[in-house]
Amino acid sequence: MAELQHQDPTNPATPASIAQQTAELSQMEASMSLTDAIKTQGRYAEDSAATGLLGKQVTATVTGNELTGTVSEISLSAAGTPLLKVGQVTVPLSAVTTVGIATAGQTTTA
C-alpha cells in the first residue's frame, strides 16, 4: 500500500519491475518456509534424542548441581522442549552432560 502512495502516476511501474518484485517476494517466502522446515526437523531430532534416553542413566547439571539417575519419563515443556524425569527431578534435555547404561537398583544422586 505504501508503494502505491509513493508511486508517480506519470511514471507507473513497468511489468518488468512488477515481475521482479513478485519474484523477490516468492524467494523470500520460500526462504521463510525452508527456515520453518529446518526448525521443525530440529525439534523432531531433539524429541527423538530424548525418547532414546528412556531407561538410560544420565548425568545432568541443574542450577549448578550435578544430578545422576535413570530417565523414567519424557515430557514437553510449554515451549515444546523435551524434559526428562530423573528420580523426582525434571531436567531439560539441554542439561544432560553424560549418558550411560542404567544398572539394576540404581538410585538418583545429587
N, C-alpha and C. Protein backbone atom coordinates (compact mmCIF):
# COMPACT_ATOMS: atom_id res chain seq x y z
N MET A 1 0.82 -1.19 0.00
CA MET A 1 0.00 0.00 0.00
C MET A 1 0.87 1.25 0.00
N ALA A 2 1.94 1.23 0.79
CA ALA A 2 2.83 2.40 0.86
C ALA A 2 3.44 2.68 -0.51
N GLU A 3 3.74 1.62 -1.26
CA GLU A 3 4.33 1.83 -2.58
C GLU A 3 3.36 2.56 -3.50
N LEU A 4 2.08 2.21 -3.41
CA LEU A 4 1.09 2.88 -4.24
C LEU A 4 0.97 4.37 -3.88
N GLN A 5 1.11 4.67 -2.60
CA GLN A 5 1.02 6.07 -2.17
C GLN A 5 2.19 6.89 -2.70
N HIS A 6 3.34 6.27 -2.86
CA HIS A 6 4.54 6.98 -3.29
C HIS A 6 4.83 6.83 -4.78
N GLN A 7 3.97 6.11 -5.49
CA GLN A 7 4.20 5.90 -6.91
C GLN A 7 3.79 7.15 -7.69
N ASP A 8 4.60 7.48 -8.66
CA ASP A 8 4.34 8.63 -9.53
C ASP A 8 3.37 8.21 -10.63
N PRO A 9 2.16 8.81 -10.68
CA PRO A 9 1.17 8.39 -11.68
C PRO A 9 1.63 8.67 -13.12
N THR A 10 2.57 9.58 -13.27
CA THR A 10 3.08 9.86 -14.61
C THR A 10 4.17 8.89 -15.03
N ASN A 11 4.64 8.09 -14.08
CA ASN A 11 5.70 7.12 -14.36
C ASN A 11 5.33 5.80 -13.67
N PRO A 12 4.33 5.08 -14.17
CA PRO A 12 3.88 3.86 -13.50
C PRO A 12 4.94 2.76 -13.53
N ALA A 13 4.77 1.80 -12.63
CA ALA A 13 5.69 0.66 -12.59
C ALA A 13 5.58 -0.14 -13.87
N THR A 14 6.72 -0.61 -14.34
CA THR A 14 6.75 -1.40 -15.57
C THR A 14 6.42 -2.86 -15.25
N PRO A 15 5.92 -3.58 -16.22
CA PRO A 15 5.67 -5.00 -15.99
C PRO A 15 6.92 -5.75 -15.52
N ALA A 16 8.09 -5.33 -16.03
CA ALA A 16 9.33 -6.00 -15.63
C ALA A 16 9.62 -5.77 -14.15
N SER A 17 9.40 -4.54 -13.66
CA SER A 17 9.68 -4.28 -12.24
C SER A 17 8.66 -4.98 -11.35
N ILE A 18 7.42 -5.07 -11.81
CA ILE A 18 6.40 -5.81 -11.04
C ILE A 18 6.78 -7.29 -10.99
N ALA A 19 7.23 -7.85 -12.11
CA ALA A 19 7.64 -9.25 -12.15
C ALA A 19 8.84 -9.49 -11.23
N GLN A 20 9.78 -8.54 -11.22
CA GLN A 20 10.96 -8.67 -10.36
C GLN A 20 10.55 -8.65 -8.89
N GLN A 21 9.66 -7.74 -8.52
CA GLN A 21 9.20 -7.66 -7.13
C GLN A 21 8.47 -8.93 -6.73
N THR A 22 7.65 -9.44 -7.64
CA THR A 22 6.92 -10.68 -7.37
C THR A 22 7.90 -11.84 -7.17
N ALA A 23 8.93 -11.91 -7.99
CA ALA A 23 9.94 -12.97 -7.85
C ALA A 23 10.68 -12.84 -6.53
N GLU A 24 11.02 -11.62 -6.14
CA GLU A 24 11.71 -11.40 -4.86
C GLU A 24 10.83 -11.82 -3.69
N LEU A 25 9.55 -11.50 -3.75
CA LEU A 25 8.63 -11.91 -2.69
C LEU A 25 8.50 -13.43 -2.63
N SER A 26 8.45 -14.07 -3.79
CA SER A 26 8.38 -15.54 -3.84
C SER A 26 9.62 -16.17 -3.23
N GLN A 27 10.80 -15.61 -3.54
CA GLN A 27 12.04 -16.13 -2.99
C GLN A 27 12.07 -15.96 -1.46
N MET A 28 11.59 -14.81 -0.98
CA MET A 28 11.57 -14.59 0.46
C MET A 28 10.62 -15.57 1.15
N GLU A 29 9.46 -15.80 0.53
CA GLU A 29 8.50 -16.74 1.10
C GLU A 29 9.08 -18.16 1.13
N ALA A 30 9.76 -18.55 0.06
CA ALA A 30 10.38 -19.87 0.01
C ALA A 30 11.47 -20.01 1.07
N SER A 31 12.23 -18.96 1.27
CA SER A 31 13.28 -18.97 2.28
C SER A 31 12.69 -19.11 3.68
N MET A 32 11.59 -18.40 3.93
CA MET A 32 10.93 -18.50 5.24
C MET A 32 10.37 -19.89 5.46
N SER A 33 9.81 -20.50 4.42
CA SER A 33 9.28 -21.86 4.53
C SER A 33 10.40 -22.86 4.82
N LEU A 34 11.54 -22.68 4.17
CA LEU A 34 12.68 -23.56 4.39
C LEU A 34 13.19 -23.42 5.83
N THR A 35 13.26 -22.20 6.32
CA THR A 35 13.69 -21.96 7.70
C THR A 35 12.75 -22.65 8.68
N ASP A 36 11.45 -22.54 8.46
CA ASP A 36 10.47 -23.21 9.32
C ASP A 36 10.65 -24.73 9.28
N ALA A 37 10.89 -25.27 8.09
CA ALA A 37 11.08 -26.72 7.95
C ALA A 37 12.33 -27.18 8.69
N ILE A 38 13.38 -26.40 8.64
CA ILE A 38 14.62 -26.76 9.35
C ILE A 38 14.39 -26.73 10.85
N LYS A 39 13.68 -25.73 11.35
CA LYS A 39 13.38 -25.65 12.78
C LYS A 39 12.54 -26.84 13.22
N THR A 40 11.55 -27.21 12.41
CA THR A 40 10.70 -28.36 12.74
C THR A 40 11.52 -29.64 12.77
N GLN A 41 12.41 -29.81 11.81
CA GLN A 41 13.26 -31.00 11.77
C GLN A 41 14.15 -31.06 13.02
N GLY A 42 14.66 -29.92 13.44
CA GLY A 42 15.48 -29.87 14.65
C GLY A 42 14.70 -30.29 15.88
N ARG A 43 13.43 -29.86 15.97
CA ARG A 43 12.59 -30.25 17.11
C ARG A 43 12.34 -31.75 17.10
N TYR A 44 12.10 -32.32 15.90
CA TYR A 44 11.88 -33.77 15.80
C TYR A 44 13.13 -34.53 16.24
N ALA A 45 14.29 -34.06 15.85
CA ALA A 45 15.54 -34.72 16.23
C ALA A 45 15.74 -34.65 17.74
N GLU A 46 15.43 -33.50 18.33
CA GLU A 46 15.56 -33.33 19.77
C GLU A 46 14.59 -34.26 20.51
N ASP A 47 13.35 -34.36 20.04
CA ASP A 47 12.36 -35.25 20.65
C ASP A 47 12.81 -36.71 20.55
N SER A 48 13.36 -37.07 19.41
CA SER A 48 13.84 -38.44 19.21
C SER A 48 15.01 -38.75 20.14
N ALA A 49 15.91 -37.79 20.30
CA ALA A 49 17.05 -37.98 21.20
C ALA A 49 16.56 -38.18 22.64
N ALA A 50 15.58 -37.39 23.04
CA ALA A 50 15.04 -37.52 24.40
C ALA A 50 14.39 -38.88 24.61
N THR A 51 13.63 -39.32 23.63
CA THR A 51 12.96 -40.63 23.73
C THR A 51 13.99 -41.75 23.85
N GLY A 52 15.10 -41.61 23.17
CA GLY A 52 16.16 -42.62 23.23
C GLY A 52 16.82 -42.71 24.60
N LEU A 53 16.59 -41.73 25.46
CA LEU A 53 17.20 -41.74 26.80
C LEU A 53 16.34 -42.45 27.84
N LEU A 54 15.12 -42.83 27.49
CA LEU A 54 14.28 -43.55 28.45
C LEU A 54 15.00 -44.81 28.93
N GLY A 55 15.07 -44.96 30.24
CA GLY A 55 15.73 -46.12 30.83
C GLY A 55 17.24 -46.02 30.90
N LYS A 56 17.82 -44.95 30.38
CA LYS A 56 19.28 -44.76 30.42
C LYS A 56 19.68 -43.96 31.66
N GLN A 57 20.89 -44.17 32.07
CA GLN A 57 21.46 -43.37 33.16
C GLN A 57 22.01 -42.09 32.55
N VAL A 58 21.65 -40.96 33.13
CA VAL A 58 22.16 -39.68 32.65
C VAL A 58 22.74 -38.89 33.81
N THR A 59 23.65 -38.03 33.47
CA THR A 59 24.17 -37.05 34.41
C THR A 59 23.83 -35.70 33.80
N ALA A 60 23.27 -34.83 34.63
CA ALA A 60 22.88 -33.50 34.15
C ALA A 60 23.30 -32.47 35.18
N THR A 61 23.50 -31.26 34.72
CA THR A 61 23.80 -30.15 35.62
C THR A 61 22.57 -29.25 35.66
N VAL A 62 21.97 -29.16 36.85
CA VAL A 62 20.76 -28.37 37.05
C VAL A 62 21.02 -27.36 38.15
N THR A 63 20.86 -26.10 37.84
CA THR A 63 21.12 -24.99 38.78
C THR A 63 22.45 -25.16 39.52
N GLY A 64 23.46 -25.54 38.75
CA GLY A 64 24.81 -25.67 39.29
C GLY A 64 25.10 -26.97 40.00
N ASN A 65 24.10 -27.83 40.18
CA ASN A 65 24.28 -29.11 40.86
C ASN A 65 24.27 -30.26 39.86
N GLU A 66 25.17 -31.20 40.05
CA GLU A 66 25.21 -32.37 39.18
C GLU A 66 24.25 -33.42 39.72
N LEU A 67 23.45 -34.01 38.83
CA LEU A 67 22.45 -35.00 39.18
C LEU A 67 22.65 -36.21 38.29
N THR A 68 22.67 -37.41 38.89
CA THR A 68 22.82 -38.64 38.12
C THR A 68 21.67 -39.57 38.48
N GLY A 69 21.07 -40.17 37.47
CA GLY A 69 19.98 -41.10 37.70
C GLY A 69 19.45 -41.64 36.39
N THR A 70 18.40 -42.46 36.49
CA THR A 70 17.80 -43.10 35.33
C THR A 70 16.60 -42.29 34.85
N VAL A 71 16.52 -42.11 33.55
CA VAL A 71 15.39 -41.38 32.96
C VAL A 71 14.17 -42.29 32.97
N SER A 72 13.11 -41.84 33.66
CA SER A 72 11.91 -42.67 33.78
C SER A 72 10.73 -42.12 32.98
N GLU A 73 10.84 -40.88 32.54
CA GLU A 73 9.70 -40.26 31.86
C GLU A 73 10.19 -39.12 30.96
N ILE A 74 9.50 -38.90 29.87
CA ILE A 74 9.79 -37.80 28.95
C ILE A 74 8.52 -36.97 28.82
N SER A 75 8.66 -35.65 28.86
CA SER A 75 7.53 -34.76 28.62
C SER A 75 8.04 -33.56 27.83
N LEU A 76 7.12 -32.69 27.45
CA LEU A 76 7.49 -31.48 26.72
C LEU A 76 7.12 -30.27 27.55
N SER A 77 7.99 -29.27 27.54
CA SER A 77 7.69 -28.02 28.22
C SER A 77 6.64 -27.26 27.41
N ALA A 78 6.15 -26.16 27.96
CA ALA A 78 5.17 -25.33 27.24
C ALA A 78 5.76 -24.83 25.92
N ALA A 79 7.08 -24.64 25.89
CA ALA A 79 7.75 -24.17 24.67
C ALA A 79 8.02 -25.31 23.69
N GLY A 80 7.75 -26.56 24.10
CA GLY A 80 7.95 -27.69 23.22
C GLY A 80 9.31 -28.36 23.34
N THR A 81 10.12 -27.96 24.33
CA THR A 81 11.42 -28.59 24.50
C THR A 81 11.30 -29.83 25.40
N PRO A 82 12.06 -30.87 25.12
CA PRO A 82 11.97 -32.11 25.90
C PRO A 82 12.46 -31.94 27.34
N LEU A 83 11.71 -32.56 28.25
CA LEU A 83 12.07 -32.59 29.66
C LEU A 83 12.17 -34.05 30.09
N LEU A 84 13.19 -34.38 30.88
CA LEU A 84 13.41 -35.75 31.34
C LEU A 84 13.14 -35.82 32.83
N LYS A 85 12.49 -36.89 33.26
CA LYS A 85 12.26 -37.11 34.69
C LYS A 85 13.38 -38.03 35.17
N VAL A 86 14.24 -37.50 36.05
CA VAL A 86 15.36 -38.25 36.61
C VAL A 86 15.14 -38.28 38.12
N GLY A 87 14.75 -39.45 38.64
CA GLY A 87 14.35 -39.50 40.05
C GLY A 87 13.09 -38.66 40.21
N GLN A 88 13.12 -37.71 41.13
CA GLN A 88 11.99 -36.81 41.33
C GLN A 88 12.22 -35.45 40.68
N VAL A 89 13.28 -35.32 39.90
CA VAL A 89 13.67 -34.03 39.33
C VAL A 89 13.38 -34.01 37.82
N THR A 90 12.82 -32.91 37.35
CA THR A 90 12.61 -32.72 35.92
C THR A 90 13.79 -31.94 35.37
N VAL A 91 14.41 -32.52 34.36
CA VAL A 91 15.65 -31.98 33.81
C VAL A 91 15.46 -31.66 32.32
N PRO A 92 15.84 -30.47 31.86
CA PRO A 92 15.78 -30.22 30.41
C PRO A 92 16.83 -31.05 29.69
N LEU A 93 16.50 -31.51 28.50
CA LEU A 93 17.44 -32.30 27.71
C LEU A 93 18.77 -31.58 27.56
N SER A 94 18.72 -30.29 27.41
CA SER A 94 19.94 -29.50 27.20
C SER A 94 20.89 -29.53 28.39
N ALA A 95 20.40 -29.96 29.57
CA ALA A 95 21.24 -30.01 30.76
C ALA A 95 22.02 -31.32 30.89
N VAL A 96 21.70 -32.31 30.04
CA VAL A 96 22.35 -33.62 30.12
C VAL A 96 23.78 -33.50 29.60
N THR A 97 24.71 -34.01 30.42
CA THR A 97 26.13 -33.96 30.06
C THR A 97 26.71 -35.33 29.75
N THR A 98 26.11 -36.39 30.32
CA THR A 98 26.63 -37.75 30.13
C THR A 98 25.47 -38.72 30.04
N VAL A 99 25.61 -39.73 29.19
CA VAL A 99 24.61 -40.78 29.06
C VAL A 99 25.31 -42.12 29.19
N GLY A 100 24.70 -43.03 29.96
CA GLY A 100 25.27 -44.37 30.13
C GLY A 100 24.16 -45.40 30.25
N ILE A 101 24.57 -46.63 30.48
CA ILE A 101 23.61 -47.73 30.63
C ILE A 101 23.22 -47.80 32.10
N ALA A 102 21.91 -47.81 32.36
CA ALA A 102 21.44 -47.89 33.74
C ALA A 102 21.69 -49.29 34.28
N THR A 103 22.02 -49.36 35.56
CA THR A 103 22.22 -50.65 36.21
C THR A 103 21.04 -50.90 37.16
N ALA A 104 20.77 -52.18 37.42
CA ALA A 104 19.65 -52.54 38.28
C ALA A 104 19.83 -51.95 39.68
N GLY A 105 18.76 -51.44 40.23
CA GLY A 105 18.78 -50.92 41.60
C GLY A 105 19.46 -49.58 41.73
N GLN A 106 19.69 -48.91 40.63
CA GLN A 106 20.38 -47.62 40.66
C GLN A 106 19.48 -46.55 41.26
N THR A 107 20.06 -45.67 42.05
CA THR A 107 19.30 -44.57 42.64
C THR A 107 19.81 -43.25 42.08
N THR A 108 19.03 -42.22 42.28
CA THR A 108 19.40 -40.89 41.83
C THR A 108 20.28 -40.23 42.87
N THR A 109 21.35 -39.61 42.41
CA THR A 109 22.23 -38.89 43.31
C THR A 109 22.33 -37.44 42.87
N ALA A 110 22.42 -36.58 43.84
CA ALA A 110 22.54 -35.15 43.53
C ALA A 110 23.81 -34.60 44.12
